[in-house]
C-alpha atoms as a PDB file:
ATOM      1  CA  UNK A   1      -2.079 -10.320 -25.411  1.00  0.00           C
ATOM      2  CA  UNK A   2      -4.022  -7.864 -23.236  1.00  0.00           C
ATOM      3  CA  UNK A   3      -5.458  -9.221 -20.028  1.00  0.00           C
ATOM      4  CA  UNK A   4      -9.214  -9.582 -19.770  1.00  0.00           C
ATOM      5  CA  UNK A   5     -10.649  -7.005 -17.389  1.00  0.00           C
ATOM      6  CA  UNK A   6     -13.066  -8.097 -14.656  1.00  0.00           C
ATOM      7  CA  UNK A   7     -14.825  -5.588 -12.399  1.00  0.00           C
ATOM      8  CA  UNK A   8     -16.036  -6.841  -9.018  1.00  0.00           C
ATOM      9  CA  UNK A   9     -18.557  -4.898  -6.937  1.00  0.00           C
ATOM     10  CA  UNK A  10     -18.348  -6.184  -3.374  1.00  0.00           C
ATOM     11  CA  UNK A  11     -14.765  -7.384  -3.821  1.00  0.00           C
ATOM     12  CA  UNK A  12     -13.800  -6.755  -0.190  1.00  0.00           C
ATOM     13  CA  UNK A  13     -16.590  -8.990   1.111  1.00  0.00           C
ATOM     14  CA  UNK A  14     -16.203 -12.618   2.164  1.00  0.00           C
ATOM     15  CA  UNK A  15     -16.695 -14.204  -1.272  1.00  0.00           C
ATOM     16  CA  UNK A  16     -15.343 -11.200  -3.165  1.00  0.00           C
ATOM     17  CA  UNK A  17     -11.924 -11.413  -1.500  1.00  0.00           C
ATOM     18  CA  UNK A  18     -11.460 -15.026  -2.519  1.00  0.00           C
ATOM     19  CA  UNK A  19     -12.820 -14.453  -6.015  1.00  0.00           C
ATOM     20  CA  UNK A  20     -10.627 -11.421  -6.703  1.00  0.00           C
ATOM     21  CA  UNK A  21      -7.551 -13.377  -5.625  1.00  0.00           C
ATOM     22  CA  UNK A  22      -8.499 -16.370  -7.771  1.00  0.00           C
ATOM     23  CA  UNK A  23      -9.100 -14.299 -10.904  1.00  0.00           C
ATOM     24  CA  UNK A  24      -5.945 -12.214 -10.426  1.00  0.00           C
ATOM     25  CA  UNK A  25      -3.903 -15.417 -10.032  1.00  0.00           C
ATOM     26  CA  UNK A  26      -5.488 -16.755 -13.220  1.00  0.00           C
ATOM     27  CA  UNK A  27      -4.192 -13.768 -15.182  1.00  0.00           C
ATOM     28  CA  UNK A  28      -7.222 -11.481 -15.281  1.00  0.00           C
ATOM     29  CA  UNK A  29      -6.951  -7.745 -14.781  1.00  0.00           C
ATOM     30  CA  UNK A  30      -9.156  -7.361 -11.715  1.00  0.00           C
ATOM     31  CA  UNK A  31     -10.647  -4.076 -10.522  1.00  0.00           C
ATOM     32  CA  UNK A  32     -12.259  -3.992  -7.073  1.00  0.00           C
ATOM     33  CA  UNK A  33     -15.060  -1.437  -6.884  1.00  0.00           C
ATOM     34  CA  UNK A  34     -14.984  -0.247  -3.303  1.00  0.00           C
ATOM     35  CA  UNK A  35     -16.033   2.543  -0.968  1.00  0.00           C
ATOM     36  CA  UNK A  36     -12.935   1.900   1.140  1.00  0.00           C
ATOM     37  CA  UNK A  37      -9.776   2.229  -0.954  1.00  0.00           C
ATOM     38  CA  UNK A  38      -7.491   1.773   2.057  1.00  0.00           C
ATOM     39  CA  UNK A  39      -9.122  -1.526   3.019  1.00  0.00           C
ATOM     40  CA  UNK A  40      -9.064  -2.790  -0.559  1.00  0.00           C
ATOM     41  CA  UNK A  41      -5.405  -1.854  -1.033  1.00  0.00           C
ATOM     42  CA  UNK A  42      -4.528  -3.536   2.263  1.00  0.00           C
ATOM     43  CA  UNK A  43      -6.310  -6.729   1.203  1.00  0.00           C
ATOM     44  CA  UNK A  44      -5.093  -6.984  -2.379  1.00  0.00           C
ATOM     45  CA  UNK A  45      -1.924  -4.903  -2.705  1.00  0.00           C
ATOM     46  CA  UNK A  46      -0.843  -4.481  -6.297  1.00  0.00           C
ATOM     47  CA  UNK A  47      -2.516  -7.670  -7.530  1.00  0.00           C
ATOM     48  CA  UNK A  48      -5.911  -5.956  -7.837  1.00  0.00           C
ATOM     49  CA  UNK A  49      -6.727  -2.385  -8.880  1.00  0.00           C
ATOM     50  CA  UNK A  50      -8.790  -0.640  -6.206  1.00  0.00           C
ATOM     51  CA  UNK A  51     -11.332   1.755  -7.714  1.00  0.00           C
ATOM     52  CA  UNK A  52     -13.561   4.021  -5.650  1.00  0.00           C
ATOM     53  CA  UNK A  53     -17.326   3.933  -6.045  1.00  0.00           C
ATOM     54  CA  UNK A  54     -20.110   5.356  -3.939  1.00  0.00           C
ATOM     55  CA  UNK A  55     -22.242   2.198  -3.855  1.00  0.00           C
ATOM     56  CA  UNK A  56     -24.998   3.921  -5.828  1.00  0.00           C
ATOM     57  CA  UNK A  57     -23.783   5.069  -9.257  1.00  0.00           C
ATOM     58  CA  UNK A  58     -21.196   4.224 -11.907  1.00  0.00           C
ATOM     59  CA  UNK A  59     -19.880   7.789 -12.051  1.00  0.00           C
ATOM     60  CA  UNK A  60     -16.347   6.950 -10.845  1.00  0.00           C
ATOM     61  CA  UNK A  61     -15.868   3.616 -12.617  1.00  0.00           C
ATOM     62  CA  UNK A  62     -18.276   3.333 -15.533  1.00  0.00           C
ATOM     63  CA  UNK A  63     -15.531   3.929 -18.106  1.00  0.00           C
ATOM     64  CA  UNK A  64     -13.885   0.661 -17.012  1.00  0.00           C
ATOM     65  CA  UNK A  65     -16.958  -1.256 -18.180  1.00  0.00           C
ATOM     66  CA  UNK A  66     -16.180  -0.279 -21.774  1.00  0.00           C
ATOM     67  CA  UNK A  67     -14.504  -3.359 -23.249  1.00  0.00           C
ATOM     68  CA  UNK A  68     -14.477  -5.274 -19.959  1.00  0.00           C
ATOM     69  CA  UNK A  69     -14.814  -9.021 -20.046  1.00  0.00           C
ATOM     70  CA  UNK A  70     -17.079  -9.249 -16.993  1.00  0.00           C
ATOM     71  CA  UNK A  71     -18.821  -7.306 -14.263  1.00  0.00           C
ATOM     72  CA  UNK A  72     -19.480  -9.395 -11.161  1.00  0.00           C
ATOM     73  CA  UNK A  73     -22.003  -7.819  -8.796  1.00  0.00           C
ATOM     74  CA  UNK A  74     -21.701  -9.173  -5.261  1.00  0.00           C
ATOM     75  CA  UNK A  75     -22.495  -5.885  -3.502  1.00  0.00           C
ATOM     76  CA  UNK A  76     -25.054  -5.514  -0.748  1.00  0.00           C
ATOM     77  CA  UNK A  77     -25.443  -4.766   2.949  1.00  0.00           C
ATOM     78  CA  UNK A  78     -24.473  -7.790   5.065  1.00  0.00           C
ATOM     79  CA  UNK A  79     -27.573  -9.886   5.782  1.00  0.00           C
ATOM     80  CA  UNK A  80     -25.966 -11.656   8.730  1.00  0.00           C
ATOM     81  CA  UNK A  81     -24.996  -8.571  10.742  1.00  0.00           C
ATOM     82  CA  UNK A  82     -27.420  -7.323  13.372  1.00  0.00           C
ATOM     83  CA  UNK A  83     -31.145  -7.759  13.860  1.00  0.00           C
ATOM     84  CA  UNK A  84     -33.524  -7.133  10.994  1.00  0.00           C
ATOM     85  CA  UNK A  85     -34.958  -3.848  12.203  1.00  0.00           C
ATOM     86  CA  UNK A  86     -36.974  -1.739   9.780  1.00  0.00           C
ATOM     87  CA  UNK A  87     -33.902   0.412   9.107  1.00  0.00           C
ATOM     88  CA  UNK A  88     -31.696  -2.649   8.568  1.00  0.00           C
ATOM     89  CA  UNK A  89     -34.220  -4.154   6.148  1.00  0.00           C
ATOM     90  CA  UNK A  90     -34.259  -0.924   4.179  1.00  0.00           C
ATOM     91  CA  UNK A  91     -30.444  -0.939   3.951  1.00  0.00           C
ATOM     92  CA  UNK A  92     -30.402  -4.581   2.871  1.00  0.00           C
ATOM     93  CA  UNK A  93     -32.781  -3.912  -0.013  1.00  0.00           C
ATOM     94  CA  UNK A  94     -31.656  -0.438  -1.050  1.00  0.00           C
ATOM     95  CA  UNK A  95     -27.963  -1.351  -1.174  1.00  0.00           C
ATOM     96  CA  UNK A  96     -28.733  -4.177  -3.597  1.00  0.00           C
ATOM     97  CA  UNK A  97     -31.035  -2.149  -5.816  1.00  0.00           C
ATOM     98  CA  UNK A  98     -28.537   0.718  -5.936  1.00  0.00           C
ATOM     99  CA  UNK A  99     -25.685  -1.600  -6.906  1.00  0.00           C
ATOM    100  CA  UNK A 100     -27.778  -3.219  -9.628  1.00  0.00           C
ATOM    101  CA  UNK A 101     -28.778   0.168 -11.026  1.00  0.00           C
ATOM    102  CA  UNK A 102     -25.113   1.216 -11.098  1.00  0.00           C
ATOM    103  CA  UNK A 103     -24.149  -1.909 -13.041  1.00  0.00           C
ATOM    104  CA  UNK A 104     -26.934  -1.322 -15.560  1.00  0.00           C
ATOM    105  CA  UNK A 105     -25.845   2.308 -15.945  1.00  0.00           C
ATOM    106  CA  UNK A 106     -22.257   1.252 -16.641  1.00  0.00           C
ATOM    107  CA  UNK A 107     -23.332  -1.320 -19.232  1.00  0.00           C
ATOM    108  CA  UNK A 108     -25.715   1.163 -20.847  1.00  0.00           C
ATOM    109  CA  UNK A 109     -22.912   3.692 -21.219  1.00  0.00           C
ATOM    110  CA  UNK A 110     -20.295   1.275 -22.562  1.00  0.00           C
ATOM    111  CA  UNK A 111     -19.639   1.467 -26.300  1.00  0.00           C
ATOM    112  CA  UNK A 112     -18.148  -2.033 -26.246  1.00  0.00           C
ATOM    113  CA  UNK A 113     -20.391  -3.958 -23.866  1.00  0.00           C
ATOM    114  CA  UNK A 114     -18.974  -6.411 -21.305  1.00  0.00           C
ATOM    115  CA  UNK A 115     -19.176 -10.050 -22.339  1.00  0.00           C
ATOM    116  CA  UNK A 116     -21.031 -11.088 -19.191  1.00  0.00           C
ATOM    117  CA  UNK A 117     -22.631  -9.740 -16.039  1.00  0.00           C
ATOM    118  CA  UNK A 118     -22.679 -12.090 -13.059  1.00  0.00           C
ATOM    119  CA  UNK A 119     -25.397 -11.194 -10.564  1.00  0.00           C
ATOM    120  CA  UNK A 120     -25.173 -12.496  -7.011  1.00  0.00           C
ATOM    121  CA  UNK A 121     -28.219 -14.083  -5.426  1.00  0.00           C
ATOM    122  CA  UNK A 122     -28.948 -16.683  -2.764  1.00  0.00           C
ATOM    123  CA  UNK A 123     -30.939 -19.846  -2.171  1.00  0.00           C
ATOM    124  CA  UNK A 124     -33.118 -17.704   0.079  1.00  0.00           C
ATOM    125  CA  UNK A 125     -34.938 -16.983  -3.205  1.00  0.00           C
ATOM    126  CA  UNK A 126     -36.843 -20.241  -2.700  1.00  0.00           C
ATOM    127  CA  UNK A 127     -38.047 -19.441   0.820  1.00  0.00           C
ATOM    128  CA  UNK A 128     -38.619 -22.144   3.492  1.00  0.00           C
ATOM    129  CA  UNK A 129     -39.618 -25.349   1.667  1.00  0.00           C
ATOM    130  CA  UNK A 130     -39.283 -28.202   4.175  1.00  0.00           C
ATOM    131  CA  UNK A 131     -38.062 -31.427   2.562  1.00  0.00           C
ATOM    132  CA  UNK A 132     -38.930 -30.420  -1.007  1.00  0.00           C
ATOM    133  CA  UNK A 133     -36.123 -31.027  -3.508  1.00  0.00           C
ATOM    134  CA  UNK A 134     -35.323 -27.724  -5.202  1.00  0.00           C
ATOM    135  CA  UNK A 135     -33.501 -26.920  -8.424  1.00  0.00           C
ATOM    136  CA  UNK A 136     -33.297 -23.871 -10.661  1.00  0.00           C
ATOM    137  CA  UNK A 137     -36.774 -24.494 -12.081  1.00  0.00           C
ATOM    138  CA  UNK A 138     -38.405 -24.171  -8.649  1.00  0.00           C
ATOM    139  CA  UNK A 139     -40.583 -21.148  -7.971  1.00  0.00           C
ATOM    140  CA  UNK A 140     -39.815 -18.187  -5.727  1.00  0.00           C
ATOM    141  CA  UNK A 141     -40.736 -18.516  -2.075  1.00  0.00           C
ATOM    142  CA  UNK A 142     -42.320 -16.257   0.507  1.00  0.00           C
ATOM    143  CA  UNK A 143     -40.861 -14.015   3.207  1.00  0.00           C
ATOM    144  CA  UNK A 144     -38.627 -10.984   3.510  1.00  0.00           C
ATOM    145  CA  UNK A 145     -35.487 -12.752   2.324  1.00  0.00           C
ATOM    146  CA  UNK A 146     -37.188 -14.285  -0.699  1.00  0.00           C
ATOM    147  CA  UNK A 147     -38.602 -10.874  -1.655  1.00  0.00           C
ATOM    148  CA  UNK A 148     -35.196  -9.197  -1.309  1.00  0.00           C
ATOM    149  CA  UNK A 149     -33.414 -11.855  -3.334  1.00  0.00           C
ATOM    150  CA  UNK A 150     -35.976 -11.701  -6.126  1.00  0.00           C
ATOM    151  CA  UNK A 151     -35.562  -7.911  -6.340  1.00  0.00           C
ATOM    152  CA  UNK A 152     -31.767  -8.327  -6.184  1.00  0.00           C
ATOM    153  CA  UNK A 153     -31.816 -10.626  -9.172  1.00  0.00           C
ATOM    154  CA  UNK A 154     -34.099  -8.316 -11.108  1.00  0.00           C
ATOM    155  CA  UNK A 155     -31.866  -5.299 -10.452  1.00  0.00           C
ATOM    156  CA  UNK A 156     -29.567  -6.147 -13.395  1.00  0.00           C
ATOM    157  CA  UNK A 157     -32.087  -7.781 -15.721  1.00  0.00           C
ATOM    158  CA  UNK A 158     -31.837  -4.781 -18.072  1.00  0.00           C
ATOM    159  CA  UNK A 159     -28.390  -5.835 -19.299  1.00  0.00           C
ATOM    160  CA  UNK A 160     -29.959  -8.749 -21.169  1.00  0.00           C
ATOM    161  CA  UNK A 161     -31.958  -6.297 -23.289  1.00  0.00           C
ATOM    162  CA  UNK A 162     -28.641  -4.532 -23.970  1.00  0.00           C
ATOM    163  CA  UNK A 163     -27.295  -7.751 -25.493  1.00  0.00           C
ATOM    164  CA  UNK A 164     -25.122  -8.880 -22.573  1.00  0.00           C
ATOM    165  CA  UNK A 165     -25.032 -12.444 -21.301  1.00  0.00           C
ATOM    166  CA  UNK A 166     -26.208 -12.545 -17.701  1.00  0.00           C
ATOM    167  CA  UNK A 167     -25.609 -15.248 -15.104  1.00  0.00           C
ATOM    168  CA  UNK A 168     -27.474 -15.297 -11.778  1.00  0.00           C
ATOM    169  CA  UNK A 169     -25.742 -17.250  -9.004  1.00  0.00           C
ATOM    170  CA  UNK A 170     -28.000 -18.466  -6.189  1.00  0.00           C
ATOM    171  CA  UNK A 171     -25.411 -19.301  -3.562  1.00  0.00           C
ATOM    172  CA  UNK A 172     -25.936 -21.545  -0.577  1.00  0.00           C
ATOM    173  CA  UNK A 173     -24.176 -21.066   2.753  1.00  0.00           C
ATOM    174  CA  UNK A 174     -20.537 -20.574   1.779  1.00  0.00           C
ATOM    175  CA  UNK A 175     -18.122 -22.404   4.068  1.00  0.00           C
ATOM    176  CA  UNK A 176     -14.697 -20.836   4.276  1.00  0.00           C
ATOM    177  CA  UNK A 177     -12.147 -19.516   6.731  1.00  0.00           C
ATOM    178  CA  UNK A 178     -12.167 -15.955   7.940  1.00  0.00           C
ATOM    179  CA  UNK A 179     -15.828 -15.102   7.560  1.00  0.00           C
ATOM    180  CA  UNK A 180     -19.336 -16.209   6.772  1.00  0.00           C
ATOM    181  CA  UNK A 181     -21.262 -18.773   8.774  1.00  0.00           C
ATOM    182  CA  UNK A 182     -18.469 -21.309   9.262  1.00  0.00           C
ATOM    183  CA  UNK A 183     -16.618 -19.764  12.265  1.00  0.00           C
ATOM    184  CA  UNK A 184     -19.960 -19.355  14.058  1.00  0.00           C
ATOM    185  CA  UNK A 185     -20.830 -22.995  13.464  1.00  0.00           C
ATOM    186  CA  UNK A 186     -17.494 -24.184  14.800  1.00  0.00           C
ATOM    187  CA  UNK A 187     -17.041 -21.968  17.857  1.00  0.00           C
ATOM    188  CA  UNK A 188     -19.493 -23.826  20.171  1.00  0.00           C
ATOM    189  CA  UNK A 189     -17.702 -27.110  19.487  1.00  0.00           C
ATOM    190  CA  UNK A 190     -14.375 -25.635  20.531  1.00  0.00           C
ATOM    191  CA  UNK A 191     -15.832 -24.973  23.987  1.00  0.00           C
ATOM    192  CA  UNK A 192     -17.622 -28.355  24.110  1.00  0.00           C
ATOM    193  CA  UNK A 193     -21.044 -26.748  23.650  1.00  0.00           C
ATOM    194  CA  UNK A 194     -21.846 -27.841  20.094  1.00  0.00           C
ATOM    195  CA  UNK A 195     -25.288 -29.028  19.122  1.00  0.00           C
ATOM    196  CA  UNK A 196     -28.181 -28.652  16.678  1.00  0.00           C
ATOM    197  CA  UNK A 197     -29.937 -25.334  16.200  1.00  0.00           C
ATOM    198  CA  UNK A 198     -33.631 -25.684  16.935  1.00  0.00           C
ATOM    199  CA  UNK A 199     -34.917 -29.041  15.685  1.00  0.00           C
ATOM    200  CA  UNK A 200     -31.785 -29.627  13.591  1.00  0.00           C
ATOM    201  CA  UNK A 201     -34.015 -30.950  10.805  1.00  0.00           C
ATOM    202  CA  UNK A 202     -33.826 -27.805   8.655  1.00  0.00           C
ATOM    203  CA  UNK A 203     -31.932 -28.336   5.422  1.00  0.00           C
ATOM    204  CA  UNK A 204     -28.482 -26.825   5.096  1.00  0.00           C
ATOM    205  CA  UNK A 205     -27.531 -26.168   1.468  1.00  0.00           C
ATOM    206  CA  UNK A 206     -23.847 -25.397   1.643  1.00  0.00           C
ATOM    207  CA  UNK A 207     -20.851 -24.939  -0.663  1.00  0.00           C
ATOM    208  CA  UNK A 208     -17.109 -24.879   0.018  1.00  0.00           C
ATOM    209  CA  UNK A 209     -15.460 -21.560  -0.818  1.00  0.00           C
ATOM    210  CA  UNK A 210     -13.207 -23.281  -3.362  1.00  0.00           C
ATOM    211  CA  UNK A 211     -16.268 -24.444  -5.272  1.00  0.00           C
ATOM    212  CA  UNK A 212     -18.104 -21.125  -4.907  1.00  0.00           C
ATOM    213  CA  UNK A 213     -15.174 -19.291  -6.467  1.00  0.00           C
ATOM    214  CA  UNK A 214     -14.475 -22.068  -8.952  1.00  0.00           C
ATOM    215  CA  UNK A 215     -18.075 -22.100 -10.137  1.00  0.00           C
ATOM    216  CA  UNK A 216     -18.162 -18.320 -10.636  1.00  0.00           C
ATOM    217  CA  UNK A 217     -14.979 -18.456 -12.714  1.00  0.00           C
ATOM    218  CA  UNK A 218     -16.399 -21.438 -14.655  1.00  0.00           C
ATOM    219  CA  UNK A 219     -19.550 -19.451 -15.474  1.00  0.00           C
ATOM    220  CA  UNK A 220     -17.579 -16.359 -16.480  1.00  0.00           C
ATOM    221  CA  UNK A 221     -15.469 -18.392 -18.887  1.00  0.00           C
ATOM    222  CA  UNK A 222     -18.208 -20.586 -20.448  1.00  0.00           C
ATOM    223  CA  UNK A 223     -19.715 -18.231 -23.006  1.00  0.00           C
ATOM    224  CA  UNK A 224     -22.572 -20.607 -23.812  1.00  0.00           C
ATOM    225  CA  UNK A 225     -23.960 -20.524 -20.266  1.00  0.00           C
ATOM    226  CA  UNK A 226     -26.489 -18.017 -19.010  1.00  0.00           C
ATOM    227  CA  UNK A 227     -29.436 -17.717 -16.670  1.00  0.00           C
ATOM    228  CA  UNK A 228     -29.822 -19.022 -13.128  1.00  0.00           C
ATOM    229  CA  UNK A 229     -27.395 -21.442 -11.464  1.00  0.00           C
ATOM    230  CA  UNK A 230     -27.588 -22.810  -7.921  1.00  0.00           C
ATOM    231  CA  UNK A 231     -24.145 -22.610  -6.318  1.00  0.00           C
ATOM    232  CA  UNK A 232     -24.523 -25.351  -3.744  1.00  0.00           C
ATOM    233  CA  UNK A 233     -22.778 -28.653  -3.175  1.00  0.00           C
ATOM    234  CA  UNK A 234     -24.659 -31.623  -4.672  1.00  0.00           C
ATOM    235  CA  UNK A 235     -25.208 -33.163  -1.236  1.00  0.00           C
ATOM    236  CA  UNK A 236     -27.183 -30.880   1.110  1.00  0.00           C
ATOM    237  CA  UNK A 237     -27.553 -32.035   4.710  1.00  0.00           C
ATOM    238  CA  UNK A 238     -29.892 -31.434   7.582  1.00  0.00           C
ATOM    239  CA  UNK A 239     -28.374 -29.056  10.112  1.00  0.00           C
ATOM    240  CA  UNK A 240     -28.025 -31.794  12.758  1.00  0.00           C
ATOM    241  CA  UNK A 241     -25.899 -33.818  10.331  1.00  0.00           C
ATOM    242  CA  UNK A 242     -23.607 -30.853   9.698  1.00  0.00           C
ATOM    243  CA  UNK A 243     -23.204 -30.594  13.485  1.00  0.00           C
ATOM    244  CA  UNK A 244     -22.336 -34.268  13.764  1.00  0.00           C
ATOM    245  CA  UNK A 245     -19.800 -33.935  10.961  1.00  0.00           C
ATOM    246  CA  UNK A 246     -18.113 -30.969  12.672  1.00  0.00           C
ATOM    247  CA  UNK A 247     -18.057 -32.853  15.968  1.00  0.00           C
ATOM    248  CA  UNK A 248     -16.548 -35.897  14.287  1.00  0.00           C
ATOM    249  CA  UNK A 249     -13.685 -33.931  12.713  1.00  0.00           C
ATOM    250  CA  UNK A 250     -12.978 -31.971  15.907  1.00  0.00           C
ATOM    251  CA  UNK A 251     -13.586 -34.969  18.185  1.00  0.00           C
ATOM    252  CA  UNK A 252     -16.119 -32.998  20.161  1.00  0.00           C
ATOM    253  CA  UNK A 253     -19.642 -33.968  21.215  1.00  0.00           C
ATOM    254  CA  UNK A 254     -22.696 -32.692  19.369  1.00  0.00           C
ATOM    255  CA  UNK A 255     -25.023 -32.788  22.338  1.00  0.00           C
ATOM    256  CA  UNK A 256     -26.291 -29.351  23.394  1.00  0.00           C
ATOM    257  CA  UNK A 257     -29.193 -28.193  21.196  1.00  0.00           C
ATOM    258  CA  UNK A 258     -30.053 -24.504  21.111  1.00  0.00           C
ATOM    259  CA  UNK A 259     -33.845 -24.178  21.520  1.00  0.00           C
ATOM    260  CA  UNK A 260     -35.728 -22.347  18.792  1.00  0.00           C
ATOM    261  CA  UNK A 261     -37.198 -19.815  21.242  1.00  0.00           C
ATOM    262  CA  UNK A 262     -33.692 -18.766  22.326  1.00  0.00           C
ATOM    263  CA  UNK A 263     -32.670 -18.128  18.739  1.00  0.00           C
ATOM    264  CA  UNK A 264     -35.858 -16.131  18.133  1.00  0.00           C
ATOM    265  CA  UNK A 265     -35.160 -14.015  21.210  1.00  0.00           C
ATOM    266  CA  UNK A 266     -31.595 -13.391  20.075  1.00  0.00           C
ATOM    267  CA  UNK A 267     -32.152 -12.775  16.382  1.00  0.00           C
ATOM    268  CA  UNK A 268     -35.848 -12.050  15.924  1.00  0.00           C
ATOM    269  CA  UNK A 269     -37.263 -12.503  12.423  1.00  0.00           C
ATOM    270  CA  UNK A 270     -33.830 -13.366  11.040  1.00  0.00           C
ATOM    271  CA  UNK A 271     -33.757 -16.573  13.114  1.00  0.00           C
ATOM    272  CA  UNK A 272     -36.848 -17.950  11.413  1.00  0.00           C
ATOM    273  CA  UNK A 273     -35.747 -17.209   7.867  1.00  0.00           C
ATOM    274  CA  UNK A 274     -32.012 -17.956   8.055  1.00  0.00           C
ATOM    275  CA  UNK A 275     -31.437 -20.351  10.984  1.00  0.00           C
ATOM    276  CA  UNK A 276     -34.560 -22.347  11.794  1.00  0.00           C
ATOM    277  CA  UNK A 277     -35.740 -22.866   8.218  1.00  0.00           C
ATOM    278  CA  UNK A 278     -33.815 -23.970   5.158  1.00  0.00           C
ATOM    279  CA  UNK A 279     -33.926 -25.260   1.620  1.00  0.00           C
ATOM    280  CA  UNK A 280     -32.900 -28.585   0.135  1.00  0.00           C
ATOM    281  CA  UNK A 281     -31.215 -27.212  -2.983  1.00  0.00           C
ATOM    282  CA  UNK A 282     -29.444 -29.069  -5.783  1.00  0.00           C
ATOM    283  CA  UNK A 283     -27.110 -27.574  -8.442  1.00  0.00           C
ATOM    284  CA  UNK A 284     -28.787 -29.245 -11.422  1.00  0.00           C
ATOM    285  CA  UNK A 285     -27.574 -26.788 -14.069  1.00  0.00           C
ATOM    286  CA  UNK A 286     -23.953 -26.887 -12.891  1.00  0.00           C
ATOM    287  CA  UNK A 287     -24.102 -30.687 -13.072  1.00  0.00           C
ATOM    288  CA  UNK A 288     -25.512 -30.519 -16.604  1.00  0.00           C
ATOM    289  CA  UNK A 289     -22.658 -28.173 -17.560  1.00  0.00           C
ATOM    290  CA  UNK A 290     -20.156 -30.728 -16.180  1.00  0.00           C
ATOM    291  CA  UNK A 291     -18.750 -28.497 -13.463  1.00  0.00           C
ATOM    292  CA  UNK A 292     -16.479 -30.618 -11.245  1.00  0.00           C
ATOM    293  CA  UNK A 293     -16.891 -29.928  -7.513  1.00  0.00           C
ATOM    294  CA  UNK A 294     -13.730 -30.247  -5.444  1.00  0.00           C
ATOM    295  CA  UNK A 295     -15.803 -30.805  -2.305  1.00  0.00           C
ATOM    296  CA  UNK A 296     -19.131 -32.460  -3.118  1.00  0.00           C
ATOM    297  CA  UNK A 297     -19.414 -34.017   0.368  1.00  0.00           C
ATOM    298  CA  UNK A 298     -19.509 -32.238   3.703  1.00  0.00           C
ATOM    299  CA  UNK A 299     -17.087 -34.574   5.500  1.00  0.00           C
ATOM    300  CA  UNK A 300     -14.238 -33.761   3.102  1.00  0.00           C
ATOM    301  CA  UNK A 301     -15.121 -30.063   2.999  1.00  0.00           C
ATOM    302  CA  UNK A 302     -15.187 -29.749   6.785  1.00  0.00           C
ATOM    303  CA  UNK A 303     -12.005 -31.757   7.199  1.00  0.00           C
ATOM    304  CA  UNK A 304     -10.177 -29.441   4.788  1.00  0.00           C
ATOM    305  CA  UNK A 305     -11.427 -26.331   6.578  1.00  0.00           C
ATOM    306  CA  UNK A 306     -10.973 -27.569  10.141  1.00  0.00           C
ATOM    307  CA  UNK A 307      -7.723 -29.489   9.909  1.00  0.00           C
ATOM    308  CA  UNK A 308      -5.901 -26.708   8.047  1.00  0.00           C
ATOM    309  CA  UNK A 309      -7.234 -23.813  10.115  1.00  0.00           C
END
């Protein structure tokens, strides 16, 4: 039986690397759409087909969408890198809109449409909400990040009109080795300088990489599921409690808070929207679909990441 083909835009990114490996191991024919063939080949070897694309169009890969099982769009300029200057903000938004337009173009041109398009998103969609409990029915928030995420989601909405199932994944802060926020959270503790960021009372909606990847595969394979899904663990914590949990596992103190004004000086606008504010997000629709989290609690998730690193 022929393997099911899955195309991943953004496959060489933090989540994309893990997802491509998971799907290839599960027997899918995985194609990584990449602007850097050498990097992709180095990461994946022969397990994943590396296919060039320019980040803007489907000219070099659109034919692969014909008869594909899934297109997973994770592509976009890294939000965490650098200050949010005007030029950086433009890259963040344009890269996402371009990728979405390319996906829609590929689906439009396919005679046999893909079964599903998975569109990346983030809990930043909801904006800063204090202690409010948020699920997929909650409204969009305010701010640059919320505006970008809303446009990001909308960038592939057209595929629904073309008869393709679409899943939107609003991911929390993905905890995993080798990238993302986790190494930056842990580093201060290794030099005995760990502590809360700002007040420490901002909500931290997180998910272990195993569950991020597992949930995406789950949603690709469950043909009855569509629409928006929060990809967060069912037990969000305040940032100070994440710090305490890291300190407990590493046997380090959590005692040296980083004042909010320092973070604002270092990171500017990004500090307010991504560090000093948060969302208390729950994965209601995943729970209703009976997805089983491997790491629903932070203590177990952090222990697995820290003790095996």
